[in-house]
Amino acid sequence: MSAKEIVQNFYQSDVLLETSAVNNFLHPDVVLEWHSTKGFLKLHHDEIIALSSELSKAYVRSKSRITHIVEEGNTVAVRYSHYVKTIENPREEMLLAHFMVIWELKNNKLYRGYQMSQL
């Protein structure tokens, strides 16, 4: 499977809400550097898994709509909008944020991520 296909599969519907699925995509030494409208976060493996667990408590559905994806070797850049459905209102899809992330893969796993998001 290509690096691009791995990243596309990671952002498929509901994967981000399933900690076991997220774990299967992550390299044990993964680091995600995330610049958001609320500040900077540096997340390691366990923190990314914890984030996935928290998302699954608040949302019943998750969908990433990819608008751009570019692959060069083991590096993939992806631009997407993340939509969710809340437990309180599962019929209404809500925009969570817009994202741009560059992933470096190692051993076919997400290894280094550089992400920016905006509400």
PDB file of N, CA and C in Angstrom:
ATOM      1  N   MET A   1       0.843  -1.173   0.000  1.00  0.00           N
ATOM      2  CA  MET A   1       0.000   0.000   0.000  1.00  0.00           C
ATOM      3  C   MET A   1       0.893   1.243   0.000  1.00  0.00           C
ATOM      4  N   SER A   2       0.541   2.228  -0.796  1.00  0.00           N
ATOM      5  CA  SER A   2       1.335   3.452  -0.891  1.00  0.00           C
ATOM      6  C   SER A   2       1.110   4.335   0.338  1.00  0.00           C
ATOM      7  N   ALA A   3       2.020   5.279   0.541  1.00  0.00           N
ATOM      8  CA  ALA A   3       1.883   6.230   1.643  1.00  0.00           C
ATOM      9  C   ALA A   3       0.573   7.000   1.516  1.00  0.00           C
ATOM     10  N   LYS A   4       0.233   7.384   0.301  1.00  0.00           N
ATOM     11  CA  LYS A   4      -1.005   8.128   0.056  1.00  0.00           C
ATOM     12  C   LYS A   4      -2.220   7.293   0.452  1.00  0.00           C
ATOM     13  N   GLU A   5      -2.241   6.028   0.091  1.00  0.00           N
ATOM     14  CA  GLU A   5      -3.362   5.155   0.429  1.00  0.00           C
ATOM     15  C   GLU A   5      -3.493   4.968   1.938  1.00  0.00           C
ATOM     16  N   ILE A   6      -2.364   4.869   2.622  1.00  0.00           N
ATOM     17  CA  ILE A   6      -2.393   4.728   4.085  1.00  0.00           C
ATOM     18  C   ILE A   6      -3.027   5.964   4.719  1.00  0.00           C
ATOM     19  N   VAL A   7      -2.611   7.144   4.279  1.00  0.00           N
ATOM     20  CA  VAL A   7      -3.164   8.387   4.825  1.00  0.00           C
ATOM     21  C   VAL A   7      -4.653   8.504   4.480  1.00  0.00           C
ATOM     22  N   GLN A   8      -5.034   8.178   3.257  1.00  0.00           N
ATOM     23  CA  GLN A   8      -6.448   8.215   2.881  1.00  0.00           C
ATOM     24  C   GLN A   8      -7.270   7.288   3.765  1.00  0.00           C
ATOM     25  N   ASN A   9      -6.762   6.108   4.028  1.00  0.00           N
ATOM     26  CA  ASN A   9      -7.479   5.160   4.884  1.00  0.00           C
ATOM     27  C   ASN A   9      -7.599   5.670   6.317  1.00  0.00           C
ATOM     28  N   PHE A  10      -6.578   6.381   6.793  1.00  0.00           N
ATOM     29  CA  PHE A  10      -6.602   6.934   8.149  1.00  0.00           C
ATOM     30  C   PHE A  10      -7.737   7.948   8.302  1.00  0.00           C
ATOM     31  N   TYR A  11      -8.005   8.702   7.256  1.00  0.00           N
ATOM     32  CA  TYR A  11      -9.032   9.741   7.329  1.00  0.00           C
ATOM     33  C   TYR A  11     -10.401   9.285   6.835  1.00  0.00           C
ATOM     34  N   GLN A  12     -10.589   7.986   6.619  1.00  0.00           N
ATOM     35  CA  GLN A  12     -11.901   7.495   6.212  1.00  0.00           C
ATOM     36  C   GLN A  12     -12.892   7.639   7.357  1.00  0.00           C
ATOM     37  N   SER A  13     -14.173   7.591   7.022  1.00  0.00           N
ATOM     38  CA  SER A  13     -15.240   7.798   7.999  1.00  0.00           C
ATOM     39  C   SER A  13     -15.061   6.955   9.254  1.00  0.00           C
ATOM     40  N   ASP A  14     -15.181   7.622  10.384  1.00  0.00           N
ATOM     41  CA  ASP A  14     -15.232   7.039  11.725  1.00  0.00           C
ATOM     42  C   ASP A  14     -13.931   6.428  12.238  1.00  0.00           C
ATOM     43  N   VAL A  15     -12.878   6.352  11.453  1.00  0.00           N
ATOM     44  CA  VAL A  15     -11.620   5.788  11.940  1.00  0.00           C
ATOM     45  C   VAL A  15     -11.116   6.570  13.154  1.00  0.00           C
ATOM     46  N   LEU A  16     -11.219   7.895  13.106  1.00  0.00           N
ATOM     47  CA  LEU A  16     -10.705   8.717  14.203  1.00  0.00           C
ATOM     48  C   LEU A  16     -11.465   8.512  15.508  1.00  0.00           C
ATOM     49  N   LEU A  17     -12.635   7.871  15.448  1.00  0.00           N
ATOM     50  CA  LEU A  17     -13.418   7.588  16.650  1.00  0.00           C
ATOM     51  C   LEU A  17     -13.133   6.208  17.226  1.00  0.00           C
ATOM     52  N   GLU A  18     -12.325   5.435  16.557  1.00  0.00           N
ATOM     53  CA  GLU A  18     -12.033   4.061  16.982  1.00  0.00           C
ATOM     54  C   GLU A  18     -10.561   3.964  17.396  1.00  0.00           C
ATOM     55  N   THR A  19     -10.321   3.916  18.690  1.00  0.00           N
ATOM     56  CA  THR A  19      -8.934   3.946  19.183  1.00  0.00           C
ATOM     57  C   THR A  19      -8.109   2.771  18.667  1.00  0.00           C
ATOM     58  N   SER A  20      -8.714   1.603  18.530  1.00  0.00           N
ATOM     59  CA  SER A  20      -7.948   0.452  18.030  1.00  0.00           C
ATOM     60  C   SER A  20      -7.550   0.663  16.571  1.00  0.00           C
ATOM     61  N   ALA A  21      -8.431   1.256  15.791  1.00  0.00           N
ATOM     62  CA  ALA A  21      -8.112   1.544  14.390  1.00  0.00           C
ATOM     63  C   ALA A  21      -7.028   2.614  14.298  1.00  0.00           C
ATOM     64  N   VAL A  22      -7.159   3.674  15.105  1.00  0.00           N
ATOM     65  CA  VAL A  22      -6.139   4.724  15.123  1.00  0.00           C
ATOM     66  C   VAL A  22      -4.792   4.125  15.502  1.00  0.00           C
ATOM     67  N   ASN A  23      -4.781   3.293  16.512  1.00  0.00           N
ATOM     68  CA  ASN A  23      -3.540   2.666  16.972  1.00  0.00           C
ATOM     69  C   ASN A  23      -2.858   1.870  15.861  1.00  0.00           C
ATOM     70  N   ASN A  24      -3.644   1.216  15.009  1.00  0.00           N
ATOM     71  CA  ASN A  24      -3.078   0.424  13.913  1.00  0.00           C
ATOM     72  C   ASN A  24      -2.343   1.282  12.890  1.00  0.00           C
ATOM     73  N   PHE A  25      -2.694   2.553  12.784  1.00  0.00           N
ATOM     74  CA  PHE A  25      -2.058   3.453  11.825  1.00  0.00           C
ATOM     75  C   PHE A  25      -0.799   4.130  12.382  1.00  0.00           C
ATOM     76  N   LEU A  26      -0.663   4.163  13.700  1.00  0.00           N
ATOM     77  CA  LEU A  26       0.399   4.950  14.323  1.00  0.00           C
ATOM     78  C   LEU A  26       1.671   4.154  14.560  1.00  0.00           C
ATOM     79  N   HIS A  27       2.787   4.773  14.247  1.00  0.00           N
ATOM     80  CA  HIS A  27       4.096   4.241  14.621  1.00  0.00           C
ATOM     81  C   HIS A  27       4.231   4.415  16.131  1.00  0.00           C
ATOM     82  N   PRO A  28       4.886   3.495  16.825  1.00  0.00           N
ATOM     83  CA  PRO A  28       5.026   3.644  18.282  1.00  0.00           C
ATOM     84  C   PRO A  28       5.694   4.956  18.705  1.00  0.00           C
ATOM     85  N   ASP A  29       6.556   5.502  17.864  1.00  0.00           N
ATOM     86  CA  ASP A  29       7.264   6.751  18.184  1.00  0.00           C
ATOM     87  C   ASP A  29       6.660   7.972  17.493  1.00  0.00           C
ATOM     88  N   VAL A  30       5.378   7.906  17.152  1.00  0.00           N
ATOM     89  CA  VAL A  30       4.717   8.992  16.435  1.00  0.00           C
ATOM     90  C   VAL A  30       4.750  10.287  17.244  1.00  0.00           C
ATOM     91  N   VAL A  31       4.895  11.398  16.522  1.00  0.00           N
ATOM     92  CA  VAL A  31       4.787  12.729  17.111  1.00  0.00           C
ATOM     93  C   VAL A  31       3.972  13.581  16.138  1.00  0.00           C
ATOM     94  N   LEU A  32       2.955  14.256  16.679  1.00  0.00           N
ATOM     95  CA  LEU A  32       2.134  15.171  15.889  1.00  0.00           C
ATOM     96  C   LEU A  32       2.305  16.570  16.463  1.00  0.00           C
ATOM     97  N   GLU A  33       2.868  17.472  15.658  1.00  0.00           N
ATOM     98  CA  GLU A  33       2.993  18.882  16.041  1.00  0.00           C
ATOM     99  C   GLU A  33       1.806  19.608  15.427  1.00  0.00           C
ATOM    100  N   TRP A  34       0.955  20.179  16.288  1.00  0.00           N
ATOM    101  CA  TRP A  34      -0.321  20.714  15.842  1.00  0.00           C
ATOM    102  C   TRP A  34      -0.447  22.179  16.246  1.00  0.00           C
ATOM    103  N   HIS A  35      -0.545  23.031  15.240  1.00  0.00           N
ATOM    104  CA  HIS A  35      -0.816  24.463  15.448  1.00  0.00           C
ATOM    105  C   HIS A  35      -2.298  24.679  15.176  1.00  0.00           C
ATOM    106  N   SER A  36      -3.033  25.089  16.199  1.00  0.00           N
ATOM    107  CA  SER A  36      -4.465  25.330  16.040  1.00  0.00           C
ATOM    108  C   SER A  36      -4.778  26.770  16.400  1.00  0.00           C
ATOM    109  N   THR A  37      -6.024  27.142  16.236  1.00  0.00           N
ATOM    110  CA  THR A  37      -6.441  28.488  16.609  1.00  0.00           C
ATOM    111  C   THR A  37      -6.361  28.679  18.124  1.00  0.00           C
ATOM    112  N   LYS A  38      -6.220  27.599  18.868  1.00  0.00           N
ATOM    113  CA  LYS A  38      -6.125  27.675  20.335  1.00  0.00           C
ATOM    114  C   LYS A  38      -4.702  27.539  20.845  1.00  0.00           C
ATOM    115  N   GLY A  39      -3.733  27.371  19.930  1.00  0.00           N
ATOM    116  CA  GLY A  39      -2.345  27.259  20.365  1.00  0.00           C
ATOM    117  C   GLY A  39      -1.638  26.059  19.771  1.00  0.00           C
ATOM    118  N   PHE A  40      -0.482  25.738  20.348  1.00  0.00           N
ATOM    119  CA  PHE A  40       0.373  24.658  19.849  1.00  0.00           C
ATOM    120  C   PHE A  40       0.268  23.443  20.758  1.00  0.00           C
ATOM    121  N   LEU A  41       0.152  22.265  20.131  1.00  0.00           N
ATOM    122  CA  LEU A  41       0.163  20.994  20.844  1.00  0.00           C
ATOM    123  C   LEU A  41       1.210  20.088  20.229  1.00  0.00           C
ATOM    124  N   LYS A  42       1.892  19.351  21.064  1.00  0.00           N
ATOM    125  CA  LYS A  42       2.816  18.319  20.592  1.00  0.00           C
ATOM    126  C   LYS A  42       2.328  17.009  21.210  1.00  0.00           C
ATOM    127  N   LEU A  43       1.762  16.160  20.360  1.00  0.00           N
ATOM    128  CA  LEU A  43       1.139  14.925  20.820  1.00  0.00           C
ATOM    129  C   LEU A  43       1.984  13.717  20.450  1.00  0.00           C
ATOM    130  N   HIS A  44       2.146  12.821  21.409  1.00  0.00           N
ATOM    131  CA  HIS A  44       2.829  11.551  21.182  1.00  0.00           C
ATOM    132  C   HIS A  44       1.778  10.451  21.090  1.00  0.00           C
ATOM    133  N   HIS A  45       2.210   9.233  20.914  1.00  0.00           N
ATOM    134  CA  HIS A  45       1.323   8.095  20.670  1.00  0.00           C
ATOM    135  C   HIS A  45       0.154   8.035  21.650  1.00  0.00           C
ATOM    136  N   ASP A  46       0.436   7.968  22.933  1.00  0.00           N
ATOM    137  CA  ASP A  46      -0.630   7.799  23.925  1.00  0.00           C
ATOM    138  C   ASP A  46      -1.586   8.985  23.957  1.00  0.00           C
ATOM    139  N   GLU A  47      -1.082  10.168  23.688  1.00  0.00           N
ATOM    140  CA  GLU A  47      -1.926  11.360  23.681  1.00  0.00           C
ATOM    141  C   GLU A  47      -2.853  11.375  22.460  1.00  0.00           C
ATOM    142  N   ILE A  48      -2.377  10.857  21.343  1.00  0.00           N
ATOM    143  CA  ILE A  48      -3.232  10.764  20.154  1.00  0.00           C
ATOM    144  C   ILE A  48      -4.333   9.733  20.389  1.00  0.00           C
ATOM    145  N   ILE A  49      -3.982   8.626  21.022  1.00  0.00           N
ATOM    146  CA  ILE A  49      -4.978   7.605  21.358  1.00  0.00           C
ATOM    147  C   ILE A  49      -6.008   8.181  22.331  1.00  0.00           C
ATOM    148  N   ALA A  50      -5.552   8.943  23.317  1.00  0.00           N
ATOM    149  CA  ALA A  50      -6.472   9.571  24.280  1.00  0.00           C
ATOM    150  C   ALA A  50      -7.402  10.562  23.581  1.00  0.00           C
ATOM    151  N   LEU A  51      -6.880  11.308  22.611  1.00  0.00           N
ATOM    152  CA  LEU A  51      -7.701  12.251  21.847  1.00  0.00           C
ATOM    153  C   LEU A  51      -8.783  11.491  21.073  1.00  0.00           C
ATOM    154  N   SER A  52      -8.415  10.390  20.467  1.00  0.00           N
ATOM    155  CA  SER A  52      -9.382   9.560  19.742  1.00  0.00           C
ATOM    156  C   SER A  52     -10.471   9.061  20.689  1.00  0.00           C
ATOM    157  N   SER A  53     -10.083   8.655  21.867  1.00  0.00           N
ATOM    158  CA  SER A  53     -11.037   8.179  22.866  1.00  0.00           C
ATOM    159  C   SER A  53     -11.999   9.293  23.280  1.00  0.00           C
ATOM    160  N   GLU A  54     -11.477  10.498  23.477  1.00  0.00           N
ATOM    161  CA  GLU A  54     -12.323  11.643  23.837  1.00  0.00           C
ATOM    162  C   GLU A  54     -13.293  11.990  22.705  1.00  0.00           C
ATOM    163  N   LEU A  55     -12.808  11.941  21.467  1.00  0.00           N
ATOM    164  CA  LEU A  55     -13.687  12.216  20.323  1.00  0.00           C
ATOM    165  C   LEU A  55     -14.834  11.214  20.269  1.00  0.00           C
ATOM    166  N   SER A  56     -14.540   9.953  20.561  1.00  0.00           N
ATOM    167  CA  SER A  56     -15.575   8.918  20.485  1.00  0.00           C
ATOM    168  C   SER A  56     -16.634   9.087  21.566  1.00  0.00           C
ATOM    169  N   LYS A  57     -16.306   9.784  22.646  1.00  0.00           N
ATOM    170  CA  LYS A  57     -17.285  10.039  23.707  1.00  0.00           C
ATOM    171  C   LYS A  57     -18.242  11.168  23.331  1.00  0.00           C
ATOM    172  N   ALA A  58     -17.809  12.079  22.477  1.00  0.00           N
ATOM    173  CA  ALA A  58     -18.609  13.251  22.139  1.00  0.00           C
ATOM    174  C   ALA A  58     -19.342  13.118  20.804  1.00  0.00           C
ATOM    175  N   TYR A  59     -18.821  12.288  19.903  1.00  0.00           N
ATOM    176  CA  TYR A  59     -19.369  12.226  18.547  1.00  0.00           C
ATOM    177  C   TYR A  59     -19.742  10.805  18.169  1.00  0.00           C
ATOM    178  N   VAL A  60     -20.816  10.682  17.399  1.00  0.00           N
ATOM    179  CA  VAL A  60     -21.254   9.365  16.925  1.00  0.00           C
ATOM    180  C   VAL A  60     -20.782   9.074  15.511  1.00  0.00           C
ATOM    181  N   ARG A  61     -20.439  10.121  14.763  1.00  0.00           N
ATOM    182  CA  ARG A  61     -19.935   9.964  13.397  1.00  0.00           C
ATOM    183  C   ARG A  61     -18.817  10.958  13.163  1.00  0.00           C
ATOM    184  N   SER A  62     -17.903  10.584  12.295  1.00  0.00           N
ATOM    185  CA  SER A  62     -16.775  11.437  11.937  1.00  0.00           C
ATOM    186  C   SER A  62     -16.489  11.230  10.456  1.00  0.00           C
ATOM    187  N   LYS A  63     -16.333  12.350   9.751  1.00  0.00           N
ATOM    188  CA  LYS A  63     -16.052  12.253   8.319  1.00  0.00           C
ATOM    189  C   LYS A  63     -15.059  13.343   7.936  1.00  0.00           C
ATOM    190  N   SER A  64     -14.036  12.954   7.229  1.00  0.00           N
ATOM    191  CA  SER A  64     -13.067  13.915   6.706  1.00  0.00           C
ATOM    192  C   SER A  64     -13.279  14.023   5.203  1.00  0.00           C
ATOM    193  N   ARG A  65     -13.487  15.241   4.742  1.00  0.00           N
ATOM    194  CA  ARG A  65     -13.641  15.468   3.303  1.00  0.00           C
ATOM    195  C   ARG A  65     -12.329  16.031   2.777  1.00  0.00           C
ATOM    196  N   ILE A  66     -11.584  15.178   2.112  1.00  0.00           N
ATOM    197  CA  ILE A  66     -10.273  15.540   1.576  1.00  0.00           C
ATOM    198  C   ILE A  66     -10.465  16.331   0.287  1.00  0.00           C
ATOM    199  N   THR A  67      -9.808  17.498   0.222  1.00  0.00           N
ATOM    200  CA  THR A  67      -9.868  18.306  -0.998  1.00  0.00           C
ATOM    201  C   THR A  67      -8.566  18.229  -1.784  1.00  0.00           C
ATOM    202  N   HIS A  68      -7.455  18.004  -1.083  1.00  0.00           N
ATOM    203  CA  HIS A  68      -6.151  17.892  -1.740  1.00  0.00           C
ATOM    204  C   HIS A  68      -5.327  16.831  -1.021  1.00  0.00           C
ATOM    205  N   ILE A  69      -4.615  16.032  -1.801  1.00  0.00           N
ATOM    206  CA  ILE A  69      -3.687  15.062  -1.227  1.00  0.00           C
ATOM    207  C   ILE A  69      -2.539  14.867  -2.213  1.00  0.00           C
ATOM    208  N   VAL A  70      -1.313  15.022  -1.699  1.00  0.00           N
ATOM    209  CA  VAL A  70      -0.124  14.949  -2.538  1.00  0.00           C
ATOM    210  C   VAL A  70       0.881  14.027  -1.855  1.00  0.00           C
ATOM    211  N   GLU A  71       1.460  13.137  -2.639  1.00  0.00           N
ATOM    212  CA  GLU A  71       2.431  12.177  -2.115  1.00  0.00           C
ATOM    213  C   GLU A  71       3.784  12.407  -2.778  1.00  0.00           C
ATOM    214  N   GLU A  72       4.823  12.383  -1.952  1.00  0.00           N
ATOM    215  CA  GLU A  72       6.192  12.398  -2.462  1.00  0.00           C
ATOM    216  C   GLU A  72       7.007  11.453  -1.588  1.00  0.00           C
ATOM    217  N   GLY A  73       7.315  10.298  -2.132  1.00  0.00           N
ATOM    218  CA  GLY A  73       8.036   9.289  -1.354  1.00  0.00           C
ATOM    219  C   GLY A  73       7.205   8.846  -0.163  1.00  0.00           C
ATOM    220  N   ASN A  74       7.790   8.948   1.036  1.00  0.00           N
ATOM    221  CA  ASN A  74       7.093   8.562   2.262  1.00  0.00           C
ATOM    222  C   ASN A  74       6.435   9.742   2.964  1.00  0.00           C
ATOM    223  N   THR A  75       6.224  10.824   2.232  1.00  0.00           N
ATOM    224  CA  THR A  75       5.599  12.023   2.793  1.00  0.00           C
ATOM    225  C   THR A  75       4.308  12.314   2.039  1.00  0.00           C
ATOM    226  N   VAL A  76       3.245  12.612   2.804  1.00  0.00           N
ATOM    227  CA  VAL A  76       1.939  12.895   2.218  1.00  0.00           C
ATOM    228  C   VAL A  76       1.401  14.176   2.837  1.00  0.00           C
ATOM    229  N   ALA A  77       0.986  15.109   1.987  1.00  0.00           N
ATOM    230  CA  ALA A  77       0.314  16.333   2.431  1.00  0.00           C
ATOM    231  C   ALA A  77      -1.162  16.182   2.120  1.00  0.00           C
ATOM    232  N   VAL A  78      -1.996  16.518   3.090  1.00  0.00           N
ATOM    233  CA  VAL A  78      -3.436  16.378   2.897  1.00  0.00           C
ATOM    234  C   VAL A  78      -4.154  17.589   3.489  1.00  0.00           C
ATOM    235  N   ARG A  79      -5.107  18.088   2.721  1.00  0.00           N
ATOM    236  CA  ARG A  79      -5.961  19.200   3.152  1.00  0.00           C
ATOM    237  C   ARG A  79      -7.377  18.651   3.219  1.00  0.00           C
ATOM    238  N   TYR A  80      -8.034  18.861   4.365  1.00  0.00           N
ATOM    239  CA  TYR A  80      -9.373  18.307   4.528  1.00  0.00           C
ATOM    240  C   TYR A  80     -10.192  19.120   5.523  1.00  0.00           C
ATOM    241  N   SER A  81     -11.493  18.908   5.470  1.00  0.00           N
ATOM    242  CA  SER A  81     -12.414  19.460   6.448  1.00  0.00           C
ATOM    243  C   SER A  81     -12.989  18.292   7.235  1.00  0.00           C
ATOM    244  N   HIS A  82     -13.043  18.454   8.553  1.00  0.00           N
ATOM    245  CA  HIS A  82     -13.502  17.377   9.430  1.00  0.00           C
ATOM    246  C   HIS A  82     -14.914  17.699   9.930  1.00  0.00           C
ATOM    247  N   TYR A  83     -15.833  16.810   9.626  1.00  0.00           N
ATOM    248  CA  TYR A  83     -17.228  16.955  10.020  1.00  0.00           C
ATOM    249  C   TYR A  83     -17.577  15.869  11.037  1.00  0.00           C
ATOM    250  N   VAL A  84     -18.458  16.210  11.974  1.00  0.00           N
ATOM    251  CA  VAL A  84     -18.875  15.261  13.001  1.00  0.00           C
ATOM    252  C   VAL A  84     -20.380  15.361  13.212  1.00  0.00           C
ATOM    253  N   LYS A  85     -20.915  14.321  13.848  1.00  0.00           N
ATOM    254  CA  LYS A  85     -22.293  14.324  14.328  1.00  0.00           C
ATOM    255  C   LYS A  85     -22.227  14.064  15.821  1.00  0.00           C
ATOM    256  N   THR A  86     -22.882  14.927  16.589  1.00  0.00           N
ATOM    257  CA  THR A  86     -22.824  14.821  18.045  1.00  0.00           C
ATOM    258  C   THR A  86     -23.800  13.777  18.573  1.00  0.00           C
ATOM    259  N   ILE A  87     -23.541  13.334  19.786  1.00  0.00           N
ATOM    260  CA  ILE A  87     -24.443  12.400  20.453  1.00  0.00           C
ATOM    261  C   ILE A  87     -25.803  13.063  20.669  1.00  0.00           C
ATOM    262  N   GLU A  88     -25.778  14.353  21.001  1.00  0.00           N
ATOM    263  CA  GLU A  88     -27.015  15.077  21.260  1.00  0.00           C
ATOM    264  C   GLU A  88     -27.870  15.263  20.008  1.00  0.00           C
ATOM    265  N   ASN A  89     -27.221  15.404  18.855  1.00  0.00           N
ATOM    266  CA  ASN A  89     -27.947  15.657  17.619  1.00  0.00           C
ATOM    267  C   ASN A  89     -27.317  14.846  16.476  1.00  0.00           C
ATOM    268  N   PRO A  90     -27.552  13.537  16.454  1.00  0.00           N
ATOM    269  CA  PRO A  90     -26.892  12.677  15.468  1.00  0.00           C
ATOM    270  C   PRO A  90     -27.349  12.867  14.025  1.00  0.00           C
ATOM    271  N   ARG A  91     -28.388  13.666  13.802  1.00  0.00           N
ATOM    272  CA  ARG A  91     -28.870  13.880  12.441  1.00  0.00           C
ATOM    273  C   ARG A  91     -28.219  15.081  11.772  1.00  0.00           C
ATOM    274  N   GLU A  92     -27.583  15.937  12.567  1.00  0.00           N
ATOM    275  CA  GLU A  92     -26.989  17.153  12.012  1.00  0.00           C
ATOM    276  C   GLU A  92     -25.469  17.025  11.921  1.00  0.00           C
ATOM    277  N   GLU A  93     -24.957  17.214  10.717  1.00  0.00           N
ATOM    278  CA  GLU A  93     -23.511  17.190  10.511  1.00  0.00           C
ATOM    279  C   GLU A  93     -22.953  18.587  10.786  1.00  0.00           C
ATOM    280  N   MET A  94     -21.869  18.633  11.559  1.00  0.00           N
ATOM    281  CA  MET A  94     -21.295  19.901  11.997  1.00  0.00           C
ATOM    282  C   MET A  94     -19.811  19.944  11.617  1.00  0.00           C
ATOM    283  N   LEU A  95     -19.381  21.078  11.092  1.00  0.00           N
ATOM    284  CA  LEU A  95     -17.965  21.260  10.772  1.00  0.00           C
ATOM    285  C   LEU A  95     -17.178  21.427  12.066  1.00  0.00           C
ATOM    286  N   LEU A  96     -16.186  20.574  12.256  1.00  0.00           N
ATOM    287  CA  LEU A  96     -15.315  20.681  13.429  1.00  0.00           C
ATOM    288  C   LEU A  96     -14.198  21.678  13.153  1.00  0.00           C
ATOM    289  N   ALA A  97     -13.521  21.533  11.997  1.00  0.00           N
ATOM    290  CA  ALA A  97     -12.447  22.458  11.621  1.00  0.00           C
ATOM    291  C   ALA A  97     -11.924  22.086  10.237  1.00  0.00           C
ATOM    292  N   HIS A  98     -11.118  23.004   9.673  1.00  0.00           N
ATOM    293  CA  HIS A  98     -10.377  22.756   8.440  1.00  0.00           C
ATOM    294  C   HIS A  98      -8.938  22.431   8.836  1.00  0.00           C
ATOM    295  N   PHE A  99      -8.335  21.470   8.141  1.00  0.00           N
ATOM    296  CA  PHE A  99      -7.001  20.996   8.491  1.00  0.00           C
ATOM    297  C   PHE A  99      -6.082  20.950   7.279  1.00  0.00           C
ATOM    298  N   MET A 100      -4.809  21.149   7.546  1.00  0.00           N
ATOM    299  CA  MET A 100      -3.729  20.899   6.589  1.00  0.00           C
ATOM    300  C   MET A 100      -2.664  20.157   7.379  1.00  0.00           C
ATOM    301  N   VAL A 101      -2.280  18.991   6.896  1.00  0.00           N
ATOM    302  CA  VAL A 101      -1.291  18.184   7.622  1.00  0.00           C
ATOM    303  C   VAL A 101      -0.317  17.540   6.641  1.00  0.00           C
ATOM    304  N   ILE A 102       0.914  17.471   7.065  1.00  0.00           N
ATOM    305  CA  ILE A 102       1.948  16.746   6.328  1.00  0.00           C
ATOM    306  C   ILE A 102       2.362  15.566   7.206  1.00  0.00           C
ATOM    307  N   TRP A 103       2.226  14.369   6.678  1.00  0.00           N
ATOM    308  CA  TRP A 103       2.609  13.153   7.392  1.00  0.00           C
ATOM    309  C   TRP A 103       3.850  12.536   6.777  1.00  0.00           C
ATOM    310  N   GLU A 104       4.804  12.198   7.614  1.00  0.00           N
ATOM    311  CA  GLU A 104       5.938  11.366   7.213  1.00  0.00           C
ATOM    312  C   GLU A 104       5.640   9.957   7.718  1.00  0.00           C
ATOM    313  N   LEU A 105       5.808   8.974   6.844  1.00  0.00           N
ATOM    314  CA  LEU A 105       5.549   7.595   7.228  1.00  0.00           C
ATOM    315  C   LEU A 105       6.860   6.840   7.428  1.00  0.00           C
ATOM    316  N   LYS A 106       6.840   5.929   8.371  1.00  0.00           N
ATOM    317  CA  LYS A 106       7.992   5.060   8.636  1.00  0.00           C
ATOM    318  C   LYS A 106       7.436   3.662   8.875  1.00  0.00           C
ATOM    319  N   ASN A 107       7.943   2.689   8.155  1.00  0.00           N
ATOM    320  CA  ASN A 107       7.447   1.317   8.251  1.00  0.00           C
ATOM    321  C   ASN A 107       5.932   1.246   7.997  1.00  0.00           C
ATOM    322  N   ASN A 108       5.463   2.029   7.041  1.00  0.00           N
ATOM    323  CA  ASN A 108       4.044   2.084   6.665  1.00  0.00           C
ATOM    324  C   ASN A 108       3.130   2.527   7.800  1.00  0.00           C
ATOM    325  N   LYS A 109       3.655   3.328   8.708  1.00  0.00           N
ATOM    326  CA  LYS A 109       2.886   3.880   9.826  1.00  0.00           C
ATOM    327  C   LYS A 109       3.086   5.387   9.867  1.00  0.00           C
ATOM    328  N   LEU A 110       2.099   6.103  10.416  1.00  0.00           N
ATOM    329  CA  LEU A 110       2.216   7.549  10.596  1.00  0.00           C
ATOM    330  C   LEU A 110       3.267   7.812  11.663  1.00  0.00           C
ATOM    331  N   TYR A 111       4.317   8.540  11.280  1.00  0.00           N
ATOM    332  CA  TYR A 111       5.489   8.705  12.143  1.00  0.00           C
ATOM    333  C   TYR A 111       5.653  10.148  12.631  1.00  0.00           C
ATOM    334  N   ARG A 112       5.623  11.113  11.724  1.00  0.00           N
ATOM    335  CA  ARG A 112       5.738  12.532  12.078  1.00  0.00           C
ATOM    336  C   ARG A 112       4.646  13.303  11.356  1.00  0.00           C
ATOM    337  N   GLY A 113       3.900  14.074  12.123  1.00  0.00           N
ATOM    338  CA  GLY A 113       2.835  14.881  11.554  1.00  0.00           C
ATOM    339  C   GLY A 113       3.033  16.345  11.890  1.00  0.00           C
ATOM    340  N   TYR A 114       2.767  17.189  10.916  1.00  0.00           N
ATOM    341  CA  TYR A 114       2.861  18.637  11.070  1.00  0.00           C
ATOM    342  C   TYR A 114       1.530  19.202  10.616  1.00  0.00           C
ATOM    343  N   GLN A 115       0.714  19.634  11.553  1.00  0.00           N
ATOM    344  CA  GLN A 115      -0.687  19.944  11.270  1.00  0.00           C
ATOM    345  C   GLN A 115      -1.046  21.372  11.680  1.00  0.00           C
ATOM    346  N   MET A 116      -1.911  21.975  10.880  1.00  0.00           N
ATOM    347  CA  MET A 116      -2.497  23.270  11.206  1.00  0.00           C
ATOM    348  C   MET A 116      -4.006  23.131  11.039  1.00  0.00           C
ATOM    349  N   SER A 117      -4.740  23.793  11.928  1.00  0.00           N
ATOM    350  CA  SER A 117      -6.202  23.737  11.835  1.00  0.00           C
ATOM    351  C   SER A 117      -6.786  25.107  12.151  1.00  0.00           C
ATOM    352  N   GLN A 118      -7.981  25.300  11.631  1.00  0.00           N
ATOM    353  CA  GLN A 118      -8.710  26.536  11.872  1.00  0.00           C
ATOM    354  C   GLN A 118     -10.189  26.217  11.950  1.00  0.00           C
ATOM    355  N   LEU A 119     -10.853  26.812  12.926  1.00  0.00           N
ATOM    356  CA  LEU A 119     -12.296  26.617  13.067  1.00  0.00           C
ATOM    357  C   LEU A 119     -13.036  27.288  11.944  1.00  0.00           C
TER     358      LEU A 119
END
